[in-house]
C-alpha atoms as a PDB file:
ATOM      1  CA  UNK A   1      72.004  69.754  75.102  1.00  0.00           C
ATOM      2  CA  UNK A   2      72.558  72.718  77.407  1.00  0.00           C
ATOM      3  CA  UNK A   3      70.529  75.923  77.337  1.00  0.00           C
ATOM      4  CA  UNK A   4      70.565  79.046  79.429  1.00  0.00           C
ATOM      5  CA  UNK A   5      67.438  79.694  81.474  1.00  0.00           C
ATOM      6  CA  UNK A   6      66.698  82.730  79.297  1.00  0.00           C
ATOM      7  CA  UNK A   7      66.838  80.762  76.045  1.00  0.00           C
ATOM      8  CA  UNK A   8      64.861  77.880  77.558  1.00  0.00           C
ATOM      9  CA  UNK A   9      62.091  80.227  78.677  1.00  0.00           C
ATOM     10  CA  UNK A  10      61.887  81.923  75.271  1.00  0.00           C
ATOM     11  CA  UNK A  11      61.868  78.594  73.421  1.00  0.00           C
ATOM     12  CA  UNK A  12      59.956  76.490  75.947  1.00  0.00           C
ATOM     13  CA  UNK A  13      57.600  74.928  73.398  1.00  0.00           C
ATOM     14  CA  UNK A  14      60.601  73.828  71.305  1.00  0.00           C
ATOM     15  CA  UNK A  15      62.334  72.522  74.460  1.00  0.00           C
ATOM     16  CA  UNK A  16      59.298  70.375  75.280  1.00  0.00           C
ATOM     17  CA  UNK A  17      59.133  69.065  71.706  1.00  0.00           C
ATOM     18  CA  UNK A  18      62.786  68.059  71.821  1.00  0.00           C
ATOM     19  CA  UNK A  19      62.346  66.325  75.185  1.00  0.00           C
ATOM     20  CA  UNK A  20      59.263  64.519  73.871  1.00  0.00           C
ATOM     21  CA  UNK A  21      61.470  63.250  71.034  1.00  0.00           C
ATOM     22  CA  UNK A  22      63.865  61.737  73.598  1.00  0.00           C
ATOM     23  CA  UNK A  23      66.412  64.503  74.141  1.00  0.00           C
ATOM     24  CA  UNK A  24      67.734  65.423  77.600  1.00  0.00           C
ATOM     25  CA  UNK A  25      68.121  69.170  78.137  1.00  0.00           C
ATOM     26  CA  UNK A  26      70.137  70.848  80.899  1.00  0.00           C
ATOM     27  CA  UNK A  27      69.105  74.342  81.952  1.00  0.00           C
ATOM     28  CA  UNK A  28      71.910  76.596  83.180  1.00  0.00           C
ATOM     29  CA  UNK A  29      71.858  79.816  85.139  1.00  0.00           C
ATOM     30  CA  UNK A  30      75.085  81.753  85.671  1.00  0.00           C
ATOM     31  CA  UNK A  31      77.102  78.809  84.332  1.00  0.00           C
ATOM     32  CA  UNK A  32      75.619  76.216  86.709  1.00  0.00           C
ATOM     33  CA  UNK A  33      73.077  73.529  85.873  1.00  0.00           C
ATOM     34  CA  UNK A  34      69.858  74.292  87.753  1.00  0.00           C
ATOM     35  CA  UNK A  35      67.540  71.770  86.086  1.00  0.00           C
ATOM     36  CA  UNK A  36      67.507  68.792  83.773  1.00  0.00           C
ATOM     37  CA  UNK A  37      64.446  68.090  81.662  1.00  0.00           C
ATOM     38  CA  UNK A  38      64.163  64.449  80.631  1.00  0.00           C
ATOM     39  CA  UNK A  39      61.541  62.352  78.862  1.00  0.00           C
ATOM     40  CA  UNK A  40      59.222  60.485  81.244  1.00  0.00           C
ATOM     41  CA  UNK A  41      60.434  57.062  82.280  1.00  0.00           C
ATOM     42  CA  UNK A  42      58.132  54.236  81.321  1.00  0.00           C
ATOM     43  CA  UNK A  43      57.134  51.677  83.904  1.00  0.00           C
ATOM     44  CA  UNK A  44      57.377  53.899  86.973  1.00  0.00           C
ATOM     45  CA  UNK A  45      54.313  54.416  89.134  1.00  0.00           C
ATOM     46  CA  UNK A  46      53.215  57.567  90.859  1.00  0.00           C
ATOM     47  CA  UNK A  47      52.902  57.193  94.633  1.00  0.00           C
ATOM     48  CA  UNK A  48      49.103  57.146  94.647  1.00  0.00           C
ATOM     49  CA  UNK A  49      49.050  54.516  91.864  1.00  0.00           C
ATOM     50  CA  UNK A  50      51.459  52.325  93.846  1.00  0.00           C
ATOM     51  CA  UNK A  51      49.283  52.600  96.963  1.00  0.00           C
ATOM     52  CA  UNK A  52      46.195  51.670  94.945  1.00  0.00           C
ATOM     53  CA  UNK A  53      48.026  48.629  93.570  1.00  0.00           C
ATOM     54  CA  UNK A  54      49.128  47.534  97.045  1.00  0.00           C
ATOM     55  CA  UNK A  55      45.576  47.873  98.363  1.00  0.00           C
ATOM     56  CA  UNK A  56      44.382  45.424  95.679  1.00  0.00           C
ATOM     57  CA  UNK A  57      46.890  42.719  96.669  1.00  0.00           C
ATOM     58  CA  UNK A  58      45.510  39.724  98.538  1.00  0.00           C
ATOM     59  CA  UNK A  59      46.199  39.584 102.261  1.00  0.00           C
ATOM     60  CA  UNK A  60      49.178  37.485 103.309  1.00  0.00           C
ATOM     61  CA  UNK A  61      48.533  34.263 105.173  1.00  0.00           C
ATOM     62  CA  UNK A  62      50.064  33.068 108.447  1.00  0.00           C
ATOM     63  CA  UNK A  63      52.870  31.231 106.579  1.00  0.00           C
ATOM     64  CA  UNK A  64      54.131  34.334 104.765  1.00  0.00           C
ATOM     65  CA  UNK A  65      56.887  35.185 107.264  1.00  0.00           C
ATOM     66  CA  UNK A  66      58.274  31.662 107.391  1.00  0.00           C
ATOM     67  CA  UNK A  67      58.113  31.443 103.584  1.00  0.00           C
ATOM     68  CA  UNK A  68      60.242  34.580 103.264  1.00  0.00           C
ATOM     69  CA  UNK A  69      62.777  33.253 105.785  1.00  0.00           C
ATOM     70  CA  UNK A  70      62.858  29.938 103.910  1.00  0.00           C
ATOM     71  CA  UNK A  71      63.555  31.708 100.627  1.00  0.00           C
ATOM     72  CA  UNK A  72      66.440  33.538 102.258  1.00  0.00           C
ATOM     73  CA  UNK A  73      67.945  30.223 103.264  1.00  0.00           C
ATOM     74  CA  UNK A  74      67.439  28.628  99.841  1.00  0.00           C
ATOM     75  CA  UNK A  75      68.622  31.589  97.768  1.00  0.00           C
ATOM     76  CA  UNK A  76      72.010  32.081  99.409  1.00  0.00           C
ATOM     77  CA  UNK A  77      74.927  32.516  97.006  1.00  0.00           C
ATOM     78  CA  UNK A  78      76.827  29.302  96.324  1.00  0.00           C
ATOM     79  CA  UNK A  79      79.849  28.595  98.481  1.00  0.00           C
ATOM     80  CA  UNK A  80      83.094  28.865  96.542  1.00  0.00           C
ATOM     81  CA  UNK A  81      84.588  25.329  96.777  1.00  0.00           C
ATOM     82  CA  UNK A  82      88.094  26.560  95.928  1.00  0.00           C
ATOM     83  CA  UNK A  83      88.840  29.703  97.914  1.00  0.00           C
ATOM     84  CA  UNK A  84      91.546  31.877  96.412  1.00  0.00           C
END
C-alpha cells in the first residue's frame, strides 16, 4: 500500500496496526517514495546482541585455521566429467 506522508502522519496508529498485521506500507512525498515501513524480520540480531553472542563463543584452538583450509579443500564443487 502507498500513502502520502500527510495521510500517514494523520493515521499513524492505523499504519502501525496494518504493518503489525504483516502489511508493507510505502510513504510518498511529492510523488516519490521516501520510506517503507515493514514488519520486523524474525531471526535477525541487533548489533549489540550479535557481539554478546560472539563473546560467549569458546576460543578457537591452534588447529582452527588448518581446519578451515581443509574444509575449503573438501567442499569444492564437483568437477564436471563431461565438459560441454
